[in-house]
Each structure stands twice: as structure tokens, then as C-alpha cells.
């Protein structure tokens, strides 16, 4: 991250993405998604304007990885929401009386 200090927006974007990874590891998926989106919003325009070279290659790889992580977290959240909805649906069914 040392070279990124010459580009404050790049440094900020990288720091936010790293915090997104932290929140993801901690299971705080909503915050992680917000952080991934914010960082990618900063990094994607910078990536487009970055001159060809090693730094652009590294940045492109990290941006791609973070996009994949964000998509995986969103998918995980959908699965969790569905599982929770299924559990809530099952509990309502269990509490109903049925007369035959």
C-alpha cells in the first residue's frame, strides 16, 4: 500500500476493501457488502485511468477478487434469508391446530 500513498483515493479504496474483508470474516455481511461497494466505487474509475504496468495489473487482480467476494457474500446473505424465512414458515405451521 506504500505506493498508493501518492494517490489518496487509491489508498482510501484499498483501506475500505480491506475493512470489507475484515467484516466478512467477522460474519457482518451487510457491513461487508456496503464496504465492498464503496471501495469498488472508488477503485473501478481509478483502475480505468491507471496507466499500463505492474500496479494496474495488481489493482485489476484485487478488484476482480473483491468483486467476487462481494458477489459471494450477497449470495450467502440470500441463502441465509431464505433459510430464515423457511424456518419462520415452519414454526407458523407447527403452531397451527388441525382438526380432522
C-alpha atoms as a PDB file:
ATOM      1  CA  UNK A   1       0.000   0.000   0.000  1.00  0.00           C
ATOM      2  CA  UNK A   2       3.062   2.243   0.186  1.00  0.00           C
ATOM      3  CA  UNK A   3       2.890   3.297  -3.495  1.00  0.00           C
ATOM      4  CA  UNK A   4      -0.804   4.062  -3.133  1.00  0.00           C
ATOM      5  CA  UNK A   5       0.016   6.965  -0.822  1.00  0.00           C
ATOM      6  CA  UNK A   6       0.720   9.038  -3.948  1.00  0.00           C
ATOM      7  CA  UNK A   7      -2.948   8.570  -4.890  1.00  0.00           C
ATOM      8  CA  UNK A   8      -5.133   9.313  -1.841  1.00  0.00           C
ATOM      9  CA  UNK A   9      -8.315   7.912  -3.439  1.00  0.00           C
ATOM     10  CA  UNK A  10      -6.494   4.669  -4.226  1.00  0.00           C
ATOM     11  CA  UNK A  11      -5.239   4.400  -0.662  1.00  0.00           C
ATOM     12  CA  UNK A  12      -8.747   5.050   0.687  1.00  0.00           C
ATOM     13  CA  UNK A  13     -10.287   2.485  -1.677  1.00  0.00           C
ATOM     14  CA  UNK A  14      -7.761  -0.154  -0.655  1.00  0.00           C
ATOM     15  CA  UNK A  15      -8.303   0.525   3.045  1.00  0.00           C
ATOM     16  CA  UNK A  16     -12.079   0.279   2.672  1.00  0.00           C
ATOM     17  CA  UNK A  17     -11.751  -3.007   0.762  1.00  0.00           C
ATOM     18  CA  UNK A  18      -9.522  -4.397   3.494  1.00  0.00           C
ATOM     19  CA  UNK A  19     -12.100  -3.396   6.090  1.00  0.00           C
ATOM     20  CA  UNK A  20     -14.760  -5.174   3.999  1.00  0.00           C
ATOM     21  CA  UNK A  21     -12.700  -8.357   4.215  1.00  0.00           C
ATOM     22  CA  UNK A  22     -12.492  -7.928   7.982  1.00  0.00           C
ATOM     23  CA  UNK A  23     -16.255  -7.506   8.321  1.00  0.00           C
ATOM     24  CA  UNK A  24     -16.798 -10.520   6.084  1.00  0.00           C
ATOM     25  CA  UNK A  25     -14.520 -12.676   8.271  1.00  0.00           C
ATOM     26  CA  UNK A  26     -16.427 -11.461  11.334  1.00  0.00           C
ATOM     27  CA  UNK A  27     -19.747 -12.514   9.780  1.00  0.00           C
ATOM     28  CA  UNK A  28     -21.031  -8.938   9.470  1.00  0.00           C
ATOM     29  CA  UNK A  29     -22.120  -9.470   5.886  1.00  0.00           C
ATOM     30  CA  UNK A  30     -24.306  -6.388   5.479  1.00  0.00           C
ATOM     31  CA  UNK A  31     -21.467  -4.097   6.513  1.00  0.00           C
ATOM     32  CA  UNK A  32     -19.037  -6.070   4.354  1.00  0.00           C
ATOM     33  CA  UNK A  33     -21.244  -5.575   1.279  1.00  0.00           C
ATOM     34  CA  UNK A  34     -21.530  -1.839   1.951  1.00  0.00           C
ATOM     35  CA  UNK A  35     -17.746  -1.601   2.265  1.00  0.00           C
ATOM     36  CA  UNK A  36     -17.098  -3.664  -0.873  1.00  0.00           C
ATOM     37  CA  UNK A  37     -19.481  -1.448  -2.860  1.00  0.00           C
ATOM     38  CA  UNK A  38     -17.906   1.742  -1.551  1.00  0.00           C
ATOM     39  CA  UNK A  39     -14.366   0.555  -2.255  1.00  0.00           C
ATOM     40  CA  UNK A  40     -15.211  -0.693  -5.738  1.00  0.00           C
ATOM     41  CA  UNK A  41     -16.930   2.607  -6.461  1.00  0.00           C
ATOM     42  CA  UNK A  42     -13.630   4.330  -5.740  1.00  0.00           C
ATOM     43  CA  UNK A  43     -11.312   1.761  -7.306  1.00  0.00           C
ATOM     44  CA  UNK A  44     -13.021   1.000 -10.622  1.00  0.00           C
ATOM     45  CA  UNK A  45     -12.664   4.549 -12.021  1.00  0.00           C
ATOM     46  CA  UNK A  46      -9.040   4.625 -10.837  1.00  0.00           C
ATOM     47  CA  UNK A  47      -8.383   1.287 -12.499  1.00  0.00           C
ATOM     48  CA  UNK A  48      -9.692   2.600 -15.819  1.00  0.00           C
ATOM     49  CA  UNK A  49      -7.380   5.617 -15.668  1.00  0.00           C
ATOM     50  CA  UNK A  50      -4.343   3.741 -14.329  1.00  0.00           C
ATOM     51  CA  UNK A  51      -1.505   3.520 -16.894  1.00  0.00           C
ATOM     52  CA  UNK A  52      -0.479   0.076 -18.072  1.00  0.00           C
ATOM     53  CA  UNK A  53       2.036  -1.562 -15.799  1.00  0.00           C
ATOM     54  CA  UNK A  54       2.574  -3.727 -12.776  1.00  0.00           C
ATOM     55  CA  UNK A  55       0.478  -1.564 -10.434  1.00  0.00           C
ATOM     56  CA  UNK A  56      -2.505  -1.706 -12.812  1.00  0.00           C
ATOM     57  CA  UNK A  57      -2.144  -5.489 -13.090  1.00  0.00           C
ATOM     58  CA  UNK A  58      -2.115  -5.872  -9.305  1.00  0.00           C
ATOM     59  CA  UNK A  59      -5.016  -3.486  -8.852  1.00  0.00           C
ATOM     60  CA  UNK A  60      -7.058  -5.292 -11.509  1.00  0.00           C
ATOM     61  CA  UNK A  61      -6.448  -8.624  -9.772  1.00  0.00           C
ATOM     62  CA  UNK A  62      -7.515  -7.244  -6.389  1.00  0.00           C
ATOM     63  CA  UNK A  63     -10.588  -5.501  -7.809  1.00  0.00           C
ATOM     64  CA  UNK A  64     -11.604  -8.740  -9.513  1.00  0.00           C
ATOM     65  CA  UNK A  65     -11.113 -10.695  -6.286  1.00  0.00           C
ATOM     66  CA  UNK A  66     -13.122  -8.167  -4.259  1.00  0.00           C
ATOM     67  CA  UNK A  67     -15.930  -8.220  -6.809  1.00  0.00           C
ATOM     68  CA  UNK A  68     -16.034 -11.996  -6.492  1.00  0.00           C
ATOM     69  CA  UNK A  69     -16.075 -11.787  -2.685  1.00  0.00           C
ATOM     70  CA  UNK A  70     -18.900  -9.230  -2.786  1.00  0.00           C
ATOM     71  CA  UNK A  71     -20.940 -11.499  -5.063  1.00  0.00           C
ATOM     72  CA  UNK A  72     -20.271 -14.494  -2.811  1.00  0.00           C
ATOM     73  CA  UNK A  73     -21.322 -12.560   0.293  1.00  0.00           C
ATOM     74  CA  UNK A  74     -24.520 -11.390  -1.422  1.00  0.00           C
ATOM     75  CA  UNK A  75     -25.306 -14.983  -2.395  1.00  0.00           C
ATOM     76  CA  UNK A  76     -24.636 -16.145   1.164  1.00  0.00           C
ATOM     77  CA  UNK A  77     -26.969 -13.467   2.505  1.00  0.00           C
ATOM     78  CA  UNK A  78     -29.725 -14.600   0.117  1.00  0.00           C
ATOM     79  CA  UNK A  79     -29.298 -18.206   1.264  1.00  0.00           C
ATOM     80  CA  UNK A  80     -29.413 -17.137   4.912  1.00  0.00           C
ATOM     81  CA  UNK A  81     -32.533 -15.035   4.331  1.00  0.00           C
ATOM     82  CA  UNK A  82     -34.253 -17.937   2.579  1.00  0.00           C
ATOM     83  CA  UNK A  83     -33.300 -20.350   5.348  1.00  0.00           C
ATOM     84  CA  UNK A  84     -34.602 -17.924   7.963  1.00  0.00           C
ATOM     85  CA  UNK A  85     -37.859 -17.442   6.044  1.00  0.00           C
ATOM     86  CA  UNK A  86     -38.227 -21.222   5.733  1.00  0.00           C
ATOM     87  CA  UNK A  87     -37.679 -21.619   9.480  1.00  0.00           C
ATOM     88  CA  UNK A  88     -40.223 -18.923  10.258  1.00  0.00           C
ATOM     89  CA  UNK A  89     -42.686 -20.591   7.899  1.00  0.00           C
ATOM     90  CA  UNK A  90     -42.150 -23.951   9.577  1.00  0.00           C
ATOM     91  CA  UNK A  91     -42.713 -22.507  13.047  1.00  0.00           C
ATOM     92  CA  UNK A  92     -46.040 -20.998  11.985  1.00  0.00           C
ATOM     93  CA  UNK A  93     -47.148 -24.351  10.564  1.00  0.00           C
ATOM     94  CA  UNK A  94     -46.100 -26.166  13.749  1.00  0.00           C
ATOM     95  CA  UNK A  95     -48.285 -23.879  15.886  1.00  0.00           C
ATOM     96  CA  UNK A  96     -51.468 -24.347  13.886  1.00  0.00           C
ATOM     97  CA  UNK A  97     -54.100 -26.800  15.047  1.00  0.00           C
ATOM     98  CA  UNK A  98     -55.567 -29.179  12.527  1.00  0.00           C
ATOM     99  CA  UNK A  99     -58.917 -30.884  13.151  1.00  0.00           C
ATOM    100  CA  UNK A 100     -59.569 -33.988  11.141  1.00  0.00           C
END
